[in-house]
Amino acid sequence: MTTSEVPYVVFGYGSLIFKPPPHVLSQVPGFLKGYVRRFAQKSHDHRGTPENPGRVVTLVHKVDWDAFSGSDPFPDDDVVWGIAYTIDPLYESEVRDYLDYREKDGYTLEMLDVYGIEDGIEKVVVHNVGCYVGRNDNSSFIGSEQIDALADRIWHSVGPSGRNKDYLYELSAAVRQLAPESHDSHLSALEMRCREWDRNTRK
């Protein structure tokens, strides 16, 4: 175990929201500026297989996404809400190793500021937070897909961590609970399509 003077804080915007890292001392909801959250990353190891990769969310710089997201029906609708977790310094090294392994399929650690709304005013609530970002130059980045085709991939995919659609459902529910402002049109549209197929298969 190692410790550092600066607290280790990591921002969860995907599965870390509903499956937090271990040894969390405190957590605060917040949002990012200049990014979009999209199902734009292949999952070969959690919600799919190497032969049939599922899809999981990643962060993409908004200016980059705008350059190649012609099939995205919600280019400007959403703010990326998530949770900033402060890790017990006694377990910093252990948690770093755990997250590096968990996010190994194409993610890179970046340092970002997390914002919140206090008394109606936006302000930075945590500086220099670690965040795992799937950059568009990594081999697992799939980019923008037509929403129905993407939903179909999510609905059918299964991997070692379970059904891809359950990842979507848990993430959508968790994001809605973060704040009154934490609506995500991309997640909602995918969830609506997948749940409709669920209902149709039960008839």
N, C-alpha and C. Protein backbone atom coordinates (compact mmCIF):
# COMPACT_ATOMS: atom_id res chain seq x y z
N MET A 1 0.84 -1.19 0.00
CA MET A 1 0.00 0.00 0.00
C MET A 1 0.88 1.25 0.00
N THR A 2 0.50 2.24 -0.78
CA THR A 2 1.24 3.50 -0.81
C THR A 2 0.28 4.65 -0.60
N THR A 3 0.82 5.78 -0.15
CA THR A 3 -0.01 6.96 0.05
C THR A 3 0.65 8.14 -0.63
N SER A 4 -0.12 9.18 -0.92
CA SER A 4 0.40 10.41 -1.50
C SER A 4 -0.26 11.58 -0.80
N GLU A 5 0.36 12.76 -0.87
CA GLU A 5 -0.19 13.93 -0.21
C GLU A 5 -1.45 14.41 -0.90
N VAL A 6 -1.51 14.26 -2.21
CA VAL A 6 -2.69 14.69 -2.97
C VAL A 6 -3.69 13.54 -3.01
N PRO A 7 -4.94 13.77 -2.59
CA PRO A 7 -5.93 12.68 -2.61
C PRO A 7 -6.13 12.13 -4.01
N TYR A 8 -6.30 10.84 -4.08
CA TYR A 8 -6.58 10.19 -5.36
C TYR A 8 -8.09 10.20 -5.55
N VAL A 9 -8.55 10.92 -6.58
CA VAL A 9 -9.97 11.04 -6.88
C VAL A 9 -10.18 10.57 -8.31
N VAL A 10 -11.18 9.72 -8.52
CA VAL A 10 -11.48 9.21 -9.85
C VAL A 10 -12.93 9.50 -10.18
N PHE A 11 -13.19 9.88 -11.43
CA PHE A 11 -14.54 10.22 -11.87
C PHE A 11 -15.15 9.05 -12.63
N GLY A 12 -16.32 8.62 -12.19
CA GLY A 12 -17.05 7.56 -12.86
C GLY A 12 -18.20 8.12 -13.67
N TYR A 13 -18.25 7.77 -14.95
CA TYR A 13 -19.33 8.22 -15.83
C TYR A 13 -20.04 7.04 -16.49
N GLY A 14 -19.51 5.83 -16.28
CA GLY A 14 -20.11 4.62 -16.85
C GLY A 14 -20.42 3.64 -15.73
N SER A 15 -19.85 2.45 -15.83
CA SER A 15 -20.16 1.42 -14.82
C SER A 15 -19.67 1.78 -13.43
N LEU A 16 -18.71 2.69 -13.32
CA LEU A 16 -18.26 3.10 -11.98
C LEU A 16 -19.36 3.81 -11.19
N ILE A 17 -20.38 4.33 -11.88
CA ILE A 17 -21.49 4.96 -11.16
C ILE A 17 -22.29 3.91 -10.39
N PHE A 18 -22.59 2.78 -11.02
CA PHE A 18 -23.41 1.76 -10.34
C PHE A 18 -22.57 0.62 -9.77
N LYS A 19 -21.28 0.61 -10.07
CA LYS A 19 -20.38 -0.37 -9.46
C LYS A 19 -19.11 0.37 -9.05
N PRO A 20 -19.15 1.07 -7.91
CA PRO A 20 -18.05 1.95 -7.51
C PRO A 20 -16.76 1.18 -7.25
N PRO A 21 -15.63 1.89 -7.29
CA PRO A 21 -14.36 1.24 -6.94
C PRO A 21 -14.32 0.94 -5.45
N PRO A 22 -13.40 0.08 -5.01
CA PRO A 22 -13.30 -0.21 -3.58
C PRO A 22 -12.62 0.93 -2.82
N HIS A 23 -12.78 0.90 -1.50
CA HIS A 23 -12.07 1.80 -0.57
C HIS A 23 -12.38 3.28 -0.83
N VAL A 24 -13.67 3.58 -1.04
CA VAL A 24 -14.11 4.95 -1.26
C VAL A 24 -14.33 5.63 0.10
N LEU A 25 -13.70 6.79 0.30
CA LEU A 25 -13.91 7.57 1.52
C LEU A 25 -15.10 8.51 1.39
N SER A 26 -15.25 9.11 0.22
CA SER A 26 -16.36 10.04 0.00
C SER A 26 -16.66 10.11 -1.49
N GLN A 27 -17.82 10.61 -1.81
CA GLN A 27 -18.20 10.75 -3.21
C GLN A 27 -19.08 11.97 -3.39
N VAL A 28 -18.99 12.58 -4.58
CA VAL A 28 -19.79 13.76 -4.87
C VAL A 28 -20.23 13.71 -6.33
N PRO A 29 -21.52 13.93 -6.59
CA PRO A 29 -21.96 13.97 -7.99
C PRO A 29 -21.49 15.27 -8.64
N GLY A 30 -21.29 15.21 -9.94
CA GLY A 30 -20.86 16.39 -10.67
C GLY A 30 -20.90 16.12 -12.15
N PHE A 31 -20.49 17.12 -12.93
CA PHE A 31 -20.52 16.96 -14.38
C PHE A 31 -19.26 17.53 -15.00
N LEU A 32 -19.05 17.15 -16.26
CA LEU A 32 -17.88 17.59 -17.02
C LEU A 32 -18.30 18.59 -18.07
N LYS A 33 -17.36 19.42 -18.48
CA LYS A 33 -17.61 20.36 -19.57
C LYS A 33 -16.73 19.99 -20.76
N GLY A 34 -17.32 20.10 -21.96
CA GLY A 34 -16.54 19.88 -23.16
C GLY A 34 -16.47 18.44 -23.62
N TYR A 35 -17.31 17.56 -23.04
CA TYR A 35 -17.30 16.15 -23.40
C TYR A 35 -18.72 15.66 -23.69
N VAL A 36 -18.82 14.55 -24.43
CA VAL A 36 -20.07 13.81 -24.55
C VAL A 36 -19.81 12.38 -24.10
N ARG A 37 -20.85 11.74 -23.56
CA ARG A 37 -20.79 10.32 -23.18
C ARG A 37 -21.57 9.55 -24.24
N ARG A 38 -20.89 8.61 -24.88
CA ARG A 38 -21.53 7.84 -25.93
C ARG A 38 -21.12 6.37 -25.87
N PHE A 39 -22.04 5.50 -26.31
CA PHE A 39 -21.71 4.08 -26.51
C PHE A 39 -20.86 3.99 -27.78
N ALA A 40 -19.60 4.33 -27.66
CA ALA A 40 -18.72 4.41 -28.82
C ALA A 40 -17.47 3.56 -28.66
N GLN A 41 -17.49 2.64 -27.68
CA GLN A 41 -16.32 1.81 -27.39
C GLN A 41 -16.72 0.33 -27.44
N LYS A 42 -15.96 -0.46 -28.19
CA LYS A 42 -16.20 -1.90 -28.21
C LYS A 42 -15.83 -2.51 -26.86
N SER A 43 -16.57 -3.50 -26.45
CA SER A 43 -16.26 -4.25 -25.23
C SER A 43 -16.02 -5.71 -25.60
N HIS A 44 -14.72 -6.08 -25.60
CA HIS A 44 -14.35 -7.46 -25.90
C HIS A 44 -14.27 -8.32 -24.65
N ASP A 45 -14.20 -7.67 -23.47
CA ASP A 45 -13.83 -8.39 -22.25
C ASP A 45 -14.86 -8.33 -21.14
N HIS A 46 -15.87 -7.47 -21.24
CA HIS A 46 -16.87 -7.35 -20.18
C HIS A 46 -18.30 -7.60 -20.69
N ARG A 47 -18.72 -6.84 -21.70
CA ARG A 47 -20.11 -6.93 -22.17
C ARG A 47 -20.20 -7.49 -23.59
N GLY A 48 -19.16 -8.19 -23.99
CA GLY A 48 -19.12 -8.84 -25.27
C GLY A 48 -17.95 -9.80 -25.30
N THR A 49 -17.61 -10.28 -26.47
CA THR A 49 -16.51 -11.20 -26.64
C THR A 49 -15.62 -10.70 -27.78
N PRO A 50 -14.41 -11.25 -27.93
CA PRO A 50 -13.58 -10.84 -29.07
C PRO A 50 -14.27 -11.07 -30.41
N GLU A 51 -15.06 -12.14 -30.51
CA GLU A 51 -15.76 -12.43 -31.76
C GLU A 51 -16.99 -11.54 -31.95
N ASN A 52 -17.66 -11.20 -30.86
CA ASN A 52 -18.88 -10.39 -30.92
C ASN A 52 -18.83 -9.31 -29.83
N PRO A 53 -18.05 -8.28 -30.06
CA PRO A 53 -17.90 -7.25 -29.04
C PRO A 53 -19.19 -6.48 -28.78
N GLY A 54 -19.45 -6.22 -27.49
CA GLY A 54 -20.56 -5.37 -27.13
C GLY A 54 -20.17 -3.90 -27.25
N ARG A 55 -20.95 -3.04 -26.61
CA ARG A 55 -20.65 -1.61 -26.63
C ARG A 55 -20.76 -1.07 -25.20
N VAL A 56 -19.82 -0.20 -24.84
CA VAL A 56 -19.85 0.48 -23.55
C VAL A 56 -19.57 1.96 -23.79
N VAL A 57 -19.85 2.76 -22.77
CA VAL A 57 -19.70 4.20 -22.95
C VAL A 57 -18.25 4.64 -22.80
N THR A 58 -17.96 5.73 -23.45
CA THR A 58 -16.69 6.41 -23.27
C THR A 58 -16.95 7.90 -23.33
N LEU A 59 -15.97 8.67 -22.92
CA LEU A 59 -16.00 10.12 -23.08
C LEU A 59 -15.28 10.49 -24.36
N VAL A 60 -15.83 11.46 -25.06
CA VAL A 60 -15.19 11.98 -26.25
C VAL A 60 -15.23 13.50 -26.16
N HIS A 61 -14.12 14.14 -26.51
CA HIS A 61 -14.13 15.60 -26.56
C HIS A 61 -15.21 16.06 -27.54
N LYS A 62 -16.01 17.01 -27.11
CA LYS A 62 -17.16 17.45 -27.92
C LYS A 62 -16.73 17.90 -29.31
N VAL A 63 -15.64 18.63 -29.42
CA VAL A 63 -15.21 19.11 -30.73
C VAL A 63 -14.80 17.96 -31.64
N ASP A 64 -14.22 16.90 -31.05
CA ASP A 64 -13.87 15.72 -31.84
C ASP A 64 -15.12 14.97 -32.29
N TRP A 65 -16.07 14.82 -31.35
CA TRP A 65 -17.30 14.10 -31.67
C TRP A 65 -18.06 14.79 -32.79
N ASP A 66 -18.12 16.11 -32.75
CA ASP A 66 -18.84 16.85 -33.78
C ASP A 66 -18.26 16.61 -35.17
N ALA A 67 -16.96 16.28 -35.23
CA ALA A 67 -16.29 16.12 -36.52
C ALA A 67 -16.66 14.81 -37.22
N PHE A 68 -17.12 13.80 -36.46
CA PHE A 68 -17.40 12.51 -37.11
C PHE A 68 -18.68 11.85 -36.61
N SER A 69 -19.62 12.63 -36.09
CA SER A 69 -20.81 12.05 -35.46
C SER A 69 -22.07 12.31 -36.27
N GLY A 70 -21.98 12.13 -37.58
CA GLY A 70 -23.13 12.43 -38.42
C GLY A 70 -24.37 11.61 -38.10
N SER A 71 -24.20 10.43 -37.50
CA SER A 71 -25.36 9.59 -37.18
C SER A 71 -25.89 9.81 -35.77
N ASP A 72 -25.36 10.80 -35.05
CA ASP A 72 -25.80 11.06 -33.68
C ASP A 72 -27.00 12.01 -33.70
N PRO A 73 -28.18 11.54 -33.24
CA PRO A 73 -29.36 12.41 -33.25
C PRO A 73 -29.41 13.41 -32.11
N PHE A 74 -28.46 13.34 -31.18
CA PHE A 74 -28.49 14.23 -30.01
C PHE A 74 -27.14 14.95 -29.84
N PRO A 75 -26.70 15.72 -30.83
CA PRO A 75 -25.35 16.27 -30.77
C PRO A 75 -25.12 17.28 -29.65
N ASP A 76 -26.17 17.95 -29.18
CA ASP A 76 -25.97 19.04 -28.21
C ASP A 76 -26.87 18.94 -26.99
N ASP A 77 -27.52 17.80 -26.78
CA ASP A 77 -28.57 17.72 -25.77
C ASP A 77 -28.06 17.49 -24.35
N ASP A 78 -26.91 16.87 -24.18
CA ASP A 78 -26.60 16.27 -22.89
C ASP A 78 -25.36 16.84 -22.21
N VAL A 79 -25.38 16.74 -20.89
CA VAL A 79 -24.23 17.04 -20.04
C VAL A 79 -23.81 15.74 -19.37
N VAL A 80 -22.50 15.51 -19.29
CA VAL A 80 -22.01 14.25 -18.73
C VAL A 80 -21.96 14.35 -17.21
N TRP A 81 -22.97 13.76 -16.55
CA TRP A 81 -22.99 13.67 -15.10
C TRP A 81 -22.37 12.35 -14.65
N GLY A 82 -21.74 12.39 -13.50
CA GLY A 82 -21.15 11.19 -12.93
C GLY A 82 -20.83 11.41 -11.47
N ILE A 83 -19.91 10.63 -10.94
CA ILE A 83 -19.55 10.71 -9.52
C ILE A 83 -18.04 10.76 -9.38
N ALA A 84 -17.56 11.71 -8.55
CA ALA A 84 -16.14 11.79 -8.21
C ALA A 84 -15.92 11.06 -6.89
N TYR A 85 -15.10 10.02 -6.93
CA TYR A 85 -14.82 9.20 -5.75
C TYR A 85 -13.45 9.53 -5.18
N THR A 86 -13.40 9.85 -3.89
CA THR A 86 -12.13 10.03 -3.21
C THR A 86 -11.75 8.71 -2.55
N ILE A 87 -10.56 8.21 -2.88
CA ILE A 87 -10.11 6.90 -2.46
C ILE A 87 -9.29 7.00 -1.17
N ASP A 88 -9.48 6.05 -0.28
CA ASP A 88 -8.68 5.97 0.94
C ASP A 88 -7.20 5.91 0.56
N PRO A 89 -6.38 6.87 1.03
CA PRO A 89 -4.97 6.90 0.61
C PRO A 89 -4.19 5.64 0.99
N LEU A 90 -4.65 4.91 2.00
CA LEU A 90 -3.97 3.68 2.36
C LEU A 90 -4.07 2.62 1.26
N TYR A 91 -5.06 2.77 0.40
CA TYR A 91 -5.31 1.77 -0.64
C TYR A 91 -5.18 2.35 -2.05
N GLU A 92 -4.53 3.50 -2.16
CA GLU A 92 -4.43 4.16 -3.47
C GLU A 92 -3.80 3.25 -4.52
N SER A 93 -2.67 2.66 -4.21
CA SER A 93 -1.97 1.81 -5.18
C SER A 93 -2.83 0.63 -5.60
N GLU A 94 -3.51 0.01 -4.62
CA GLU A 94 -4.37 -1.13 -4.92
C GLU A 94 -5.51 -0.74 -5.85
N VAL A 95 -6.13 0.41 -5.58
CA VAL A 95 -7.28 0.84 -6.38
C VAL A 95 -6.82 1.26 -7.78
N ARG A 96 -5.67 1.91 -7.87
CA ARG A 96 -5.13 2.26 -9.19
C ARG A 96 -4.93 1.00 -10.04
N ASP A 97 -4.33 -0.01 -9.45
CA ASP A 97 -4.11 -1.26 -10.18
C ASP A 97 -5.43 -1.91 -10.58
N TYR A 98 -6.39 -1.89 -9.66
CA TYR A 98 -7.72 -2.46 -9.93
C TYR A 98 -8.38 -1.75 -11.10
N LEU A 99 -8.34 -0.42 -11.11
CA LEU A 99 -9.01 0.33 -12.17
C LEU A 99 -8.25 0.22 -13.49
N ASP A 100 -6.92 0.20 -13.43
CA ASP A 100 -6.15 0.03 -14.66
C ASP A 100 -6.50 -1.29 -15.33
N TYR A 101 -6.70 -2.33 -14.54
CA TYR A 101 -7.08 -3.64 -15.10
C TYR A 101 -8.52 -3.61 -15.60
N ARG A 102 -9.41 -3.05 -14.79
CA ARG A 102 -10.83 -3.02 -15.15
C ARG A 102 -11.07 -2.23 -16.44
N GLU A 103 -10.29 -1.17 -16.65
CA GLU A 103 -10.48 -0.30 -17.81
C GLU A 103 -9.41 -0.53 -18.88
N LYS A 104 -8.89 -1.74 -18.95
CA LYS A 104 -7.75 -2.02 -19.81
C LYS A 104 -8.07 -2.03 -21.30
N ASP A 105 -9.34 -2.19 -21.65
CA ASP A 105 -9.69 -2.38 -23.06
C ASP A 105 -9.83 -1.04 -23.78
N GLY A 106 -8.71 -0.34 -23.95
CA GLY A 106 -8.72 0.86 -24.78
C GLY A 106 -8.88 2.18 -24.06
N TYR A 107 -8.85 2.19 -22.74
CA TYR A 107 -9.05 3.43 -22.00
C TYR A 107 -7.72 4.03 -21.54
N THR A 108 -7.67 5.37 -21.48
CA THR A 108 -6.49 6.11 -21.06
C THR A 108 -6.88 7.05 -19.92
N LEU A 109 -6.02 7.17 -18.92
CA LEU A 109 -6.32 8.03 -17.77
C LEU A 109 -5.99 9.49 -18.11
N GLU A 110 -6.99 10.37 -17.93
CA GLU A 110 -6.82 11.80 -18.11
C GLU A 110 -7.21 12.51 -16.83
N MET A 111 -6.72 13.74 -16.64
CA MET A 111 -7.03 14.55 -15.47
C MET A 111 -7.99 15.66 -15.88
N LEU A 112 -9.15 15.73 -15.19
CA LEU A 112 -10.20 16.67 -15.54
C LEU A 112 -10.72 17.39 -14.30
N ASP A 113 -11.41 18.52 -14.52
CA ASP A 113 -12.13 19.20 -13.45
C ASP A 113 -13.59 18.77 -13.47
N VAL A 114 -14.16 18.59 -12.28
CA VAL A 114 -15.57 18.20 -12.14
C VAL A 114 -16.34 19.40 -11.61
N TYR A 115 -17.48 19.68 -12.24
CA TYR A 115 -18.30 20.83 -11.89
C TYR A 115 -19.56 20.41 -11.14
N GLY A 116 -20.10 21.36 -10.40
CA GLY A 116 -21.37 21.16 -9.73
C GLY A 116 -22.16 22.45 -9.79
N ILE A 117 -23.38 22.41 -9.28
CA ILE A 117 -24.23 23.59 -9.23
C ILE A 117 -24.55 23.87 -7.77
N GLU A 118 -24.10 25.02 -7.28
CA GLU A 118 -24.35 25.44 -5.90
C GLU A 118 -25.04 26.80 -5.90
N ASP A 119 -26.22 26.84 -5.30
CA ASP A 119 -27.02 28.07 -5.27
C ASP A 119 -27.26 28.61 -6.68
N GLY A 120 -27.49 27.68 -7.61
CA GLY A 120 -27.79 28.07 -8.98
C GLY A 120 -26.60 28.47 -9.81
N ILE A 121 -25.40 28.33 -9.28
CA ILE A 121 -24.19 28.78 -9.98
C ILE A 121 -23.28 27.59 -10.24
N GLU A 122 -22.78 27.47 -11.48
CA GLU A 122 -21.82 26.43 -11.82
C GLU A 122 -20.46 26.76 -11.22
N LYS A 123 -19.82 25.76 -10.63
CA LYS A 123 -18.48 25.95 -10.10
C LYS A 123 -17.74 24.62 -10.08
N VAL A 124 -16.42 24.68 -10.08
CA VAL A 124 -15.62 23.47 -9.97
C VAL A 124 -15.73 22.95 -8.54
N VAL A 125 -16.12 21.68 -8.40
CA VAL A 125 -16.24 21.09 -7.06
C VAL A 125 -15.04 20.20 -6.73
N VAL A 126 -14.37 19.67 -7.77
CA VAL A 126 -13.15 18.88 -7.56
C VAL A 126 -12.20 19.15 -8.73
N HIS A 127 -10.96 19.50 -8.40
CA HIS A 127 -9.94 19.75 -9.43
C HIS A 127 -9.13 18.48 -9.69
N ASN A 128 -8.64 18.36 -10.92
CA ASN A 128 -7.67 17.32 -11.29
C ASN A 128 -8.12 15.92 -10.86
N VAL A 129 -9.26 15.52 -11.38
CA VAL A 129 -9.81 14.20 -11.09
C VAL A 129 -9.38 13.23 -12.20
N GLY A 130 -8.98 12.02 -11.81
CA GLY A 130 -8.63 11.01 -12.80
C GLY A 130 -9.88 10.48 -13.48
N CYS A 131 -9.81 10.31 -14.78
CA CYS A 131 -10.96 9.83 -15.54
C CYS A 131 -10.46 8.97 -16.70
N TYR A 132 -11.04 7.77 -16.84
CA TYR A 132 -10.65 6.85 -17.90
C TYR A 132 -11.42 7.17 -19.17
N VAL A 133 -10.69 7.62 -20.19
CA VAL A 133 -11.28 8.08 -21.44
C VAL A 133 -10.86 7.16 -22.58
N GLY A 134 -11.82 6.75 -23.39
CA GLY A 134 -11.51 5.95 -24.57
C GLY A 134 -11.25 6.86 -25.75
N ARG A 135 -10.01 7.23 -25.95
CA ARG A 135 -9.68 8.16 -27.02
C ARG A 135 -9.98 7.55 -28.39
N ASN A 136 -10.22 8.46 -29.35
CA ASN A 136 -10.65 7.96 -30.66
C ASN A 136 -9.52 7.36 -31.49
N ASP A 137 -8.31 7.32 -30.94
CA ASP A 137 -7.22 6.66 -31.66
C ASP A 137 -6.91 5.28 -31.09
N ASN A 138 -7.74 4.80 -30.16
CA ASN A 138 -7.51 3.45 -29.63
C ASN A 138 -8.27 2.42 -30.47
N SER A 139 -7.78 1.19 -30.46
CA SER A 139 -8.29 0.17 -31.37
C SER A 139 -9.72 -0.26 -31.05
N SER A 140 -10.20 0.02 -29.83
CA SER A 140 -11.56 -0.39 -29.46
C SER A 140 -12.60 0.69 -29.73
N PHE A 141 -12.15 1.87 -30.16
CA PHE A 141 -13.08 2.96 -30.42
C PHE A 141 -13.84 2.69 -31.71
N ILE A 142 -15.17 2.70 -31.64
CA ILE A 142 -16.01 2.40 -32.80
C ILE A 142 -16.63 3.65 -33.40
N GLY A 143 -16.72 4.73 -32.60
CA GLY A 143 -17.27 5.98 -33.11
C GLY A 143 -18.78 5.99 -33.14
N SER A 144 -19.31 6.83 -33.99
CA SER A 144 -20.76 7.05 -34.07
C SER A 144 -21.42 5.97 -34.91
N GLU A 145 -22.49 5.38 -34.36
CA GLU A 145 -23.27 4.38 -35.08
C GLU A 145 -24.73 4.81 -35.11
N GLN A 146 -25.44 4.38 -36.13
CA GLN A 146 -26.86 4.69 -36.22
C GLN A 146 -27.57 4.10 -34.99
N ILE A 147 -28.49 4.86 -34.40
CA ILE A 147 -29.02 4.56 -33.07
C ILE A 147 -29.73 3.20 -33.03
N ASP A 148 -30.46 2.83 -34.07
CA ASP A 148 -31.15 1.54 -34.06
C ASP A 148 -30.17 0.38 -34.15
N ALA A 149 -29.15 0.52 -34.99
CA ALA A 149 -28.13 -0.53 -35.10
C ALA A 149 -27.35 -0.67 -33.80
N LEU A 150 -27.07 0.45 -33.16
CA LEU A 150 -26.36 0.42 -31.88
C LEU A 150 -27.20 -0.25 -30.80
N ALA A 151 -28.48 0.09 -30.74
CA ALA A 151 -29.38 -0.54 -29.77
C ALA A 151 -29.48 -2.04 -30.01
N ASP A 152 -29.53 -2.44 -31.26
CA ASP A 152 -29.60 -3.86 -31.59
C ASP A 152 -28.35 -4.59 -31.12
N ARG A 153 -27.20 -3.98 -31.31
CA ARG A 153 -25.95 -4.59 -30.84
C ARG A 153 -25.96 -4.74 -29.33
N ILE A 154 -26.39 -3.71 -28.63
CA ILE A 154 -26.43 -3.75 -27.16
C ILE A 154 -27.42 -4.80 -26.69
N TRP A 155 -28.57 -4.87 -27.32
CA TRP A 155 -29.62 -5.79 -26.88
C TRP A 155 -29.18 -7.25 -27.02
N HIS A 156 -28.41 -7.55 -28.05
CA HIS A 156 -28.02 -8.93 -28.31
C HIS A 156 -26.72 -9.35 -27.63
N SER A 157 -25.87 -8.42 -27.25
CA SER A 157 -24.52 -8.76 -26.80
C SER A 157 -24.49 -9.26 -25.36
N VAL A 158 -23.61 -10.23 -25.12
CA VAL A 158 -23.39 -10.79 -23.78
C VAL A 158 -21.90 -11.06 -23.63
N GLY A 159 -21.37 -10.79 -22.43
CA GLY A 159 -19.96 -11.04 -22.17
C GLY A 159 -19.75 -11.58 -20.78
N PRO A 160 -18.50 -11.72 -20.35
CA PRO A 160 -18.19 -12.27 -19.02
C PRO A 160 -18.85 -11.51 -17.87
N SER A 161 -19.08 -10.20 -18.05
CA SER A 161 -19.70 -9.40 -16.98
C SER A 161 -21.22 -9.37 -17.08
N GLY A 162 -21.79 -10.04 -18.09
CA GLY A 162 -23.23 -10.09 -18.19
C GLY A 162 -23.76 -9.52 -19.48
N ARG A 163 -25.07 -9.34 -19.52
CA ARG A 163 -25.73 -8.85 -20.73
C ARG A 163 -25.44 -7.37 -20.93
N ASN A 164 -25.16 -7.00 -22.17
CA ASN A 164 -24.86 -5.62 -22.50
C ASN A 164 -26.04 -4.69 -22.17
N LYS A 165 -27.26 -5.19 -22.41
CA LYS A 165 -28.42 -4.34 -22.15
C LYS A 165 -28.59 -4.05 -20.66
N ASP A 166 -28.14 -4.97 -19.78
CA ASP A 166 -28.23 -4.70 -18.34
C ASP A 166 -27.27 -3.58 -17.94
N TYR A 167 -26.12 -3.54 -18.58
CA TYR A 167 -25.19 -2.41 -18.38
C TYR A 167 -25.90 -1.10 -18.74
N LEU A 168 -26.57 -1.07 -19.88
CA LEU A 168 -27.31 0.13 -20.30
C LEU A 168 -28.39 0.48 -19.29
N TYR A 169 -29.19 -0.51 -18.86
CA TYR A 169 -30.29 -0.23 -17.94
C TYR A 169 -29.78 0.31 -16.60
N GLU A 170 -28.74 -0.33 -16.07
CA GLU A 170 -28.20 0.12 -14.78
C GLU A 170 -27.59 1.51 -14.88
N LEU A 171 -26.90 1.78 -15.98
CA LEU A 171 -26.30 3.10 -16.15
C LEU A 171 -27.36 4.17 -16.30
N SER A 172 -28.38 3.91 -17.10
CA SER A 172 -29.45 4.89 -17.30
C SER A 172 -30.14 5.23 -15.98
N ALA A 173 -30.45 4.20 -15.19
CA ALA A 173 -31.12 4.43 -13.90
C ALA A 173 -30.22 5.21 -12.95
N ALA A 174 -28.93 4.86 -12.93
CA ALA A 174 -28.00 5.53 -12.01
C ALA A 174 -27.82 6.99 -12.38
N VAL A 175 -27.73 7.31 -13.68
CA VAL A 175 -27.55 8.69 -14.11
C VAL A 175 -28.77 9.53 -13.74
N ARG A 176 -29.96 8.97 -13.92
CA ARG A 176 -31.18 9.72 -13.60
C ARG A 176 -31.24 10.12 -12.13
N GLN A 177 -30.62 9.32 -11.26
CA GLN A 177 -30.69 9.58 -9.82
C GLN A 177 -29.66 10.58 -9.32
N LEU A 178 -28.72 10.98 -10.17
CA LEU A 178 -27.61 11.81 -9.71
C LEU A 178 -28.04 13.24 -9.38
N ALA A 179 -28.88 13.82 -10.23
CA ALA A 179 -29.27 15.22 -10.04
C ALA A 179 -30.50 15.51 -10.89
N PRO A 180 -31.26 16.55 -10.54
CA PRO A 180 -32.43 16.89 -11.36
C PRO A 180 -32.06 17.22 -12.80
N GLU A 181 -30.80 17.67 -13.01
CA GLU A 181 -30.37 18.07 -14.35
C GLU A 181 -29.70 16.96 -15.15
N SER A 182 -29.67 15.76 -14.60
CA SER A 182 -28.79 14.73 -15.17
C SER A 182 -29.46 13.84 -16.22
N HIS A 183 -30.32 14.41 -17.03
CA HIS A 183 -30.92 13.65 -18.14
C HIS A 183 -29.88 13.39 -19.22
N ASP A 184 -29.94 12.23 -19.85
CA ASP A 184 -29.03 11.88 -20.94
C ASP A 184 -29.87 11.32 -22.10
N SER A 185 -30.01 12.09 -23.17
CA SER A 185 -30.87 11.71 -24.29
C SER A 185 -30.36 10.47 -25.00
N HIS A 186 -29.06 10.33 -25.12
CA HIS A 186 -28.45 9.18 -25.79
C HIS A 186 -28.80 7.89 -25.05
N LEU A 187 -28.61 7.89 -23.72
CA LEU A 187 -28.95 6.72 -22.93
C LEU A 187 -30.44 6.42 -22.98
N SER A 188 -31.25 7.46 -22.89
CA SER A 188 -32.70 7.27 -22.88
C SER A 188 -33.21 6.67 -24.18
N ALA A 189 -32.67 7.13 -25.30
CA ALA A 189 -33.11 6.61 -26.59
C ALA A 189 -32.74 5.14 -26.76
N LEU A 190 -31.55 4.77 -26.32
CA LEU A 190 -31.13 3.38 -26.41
C LEU A 190 -31.95 2.50 -25.46
N GLU A 191 -32.19 2.99 -24.26
CA GLU A 191 -32.98 2.22 -23.30
C GLU A 191 -34.40 2.01 -23.81
N MET A 192 -35.00 3.03 -24.39
CA MET A 192 -36.37 2.92 -24.90
C MET A 192 -36.46 1.82 -25.96
N ARG A 193 -35.50 1.78 -26.87
CA ARG A 193 -35.52 0.77 -27.93
C ARG A 193 -35.32 -0.63 -27.36
N CYS A 194 -34.36 -0.79 -26.46
CA CYS A 194 -34.08 -2.12 -25.91
C CYS A 194 -35.24 -2.63 -25.06
N ARG A 195 -35.86 -1.77 -24.29
CA ARG A 195 -36.98 -2.22 -23.47
C ARG A 195 -38.21 -2.55 -24.33
N GLU A 196 -38.35 -1.86 -25.44
CA GLU A 196 -39.44 -2.21 -26.36
C GLU A 196 -39.23 -3.62 -26.90
N TRP A 197 -38.00 -3.96 -27.24
CA TRP A 197 -37.72 -5.32 -27.72
C TRP A 197 -37.91 -6.34 -26.61
N ASP A 198 -37.58 -5.96 -25.37
CA ASP A 198 -37.86 -6.84 -24.24
C ASP A 198 -39.36 -7.17 -24.16
N ARG A 199 -40.17 -6.13 -24.26
CA ARG A 199 -41.62 -6.32 -24.16
C ARG A 199 -42.14 -7.17 -25.32
N ASN A 200 -41.61 -6.96 -26.51
CA ASN A 200 -42.08 -7.71 -27.67
C ASN A 200 -41.73 -9.21 -27.56
N THR A 201 -40.58 -9.51 -26.99
CA THR A 201 -40.19 -10.92 -26.88
C THR A 201 -40.99 -11.65 -25.80
N ARG A 202 -41.61 -10.91 -24.89
CA ARG A 202 -42.41 -11.54 -23.83
C ARG A 202 -43.86 -11.79 -24.27
N LYS A 203 -44.23 -11.25 -25.40
CA LYS A 203 -45.63 -11.41 -25.86
C LYS A 203 -45.87 -12.82 -26.37
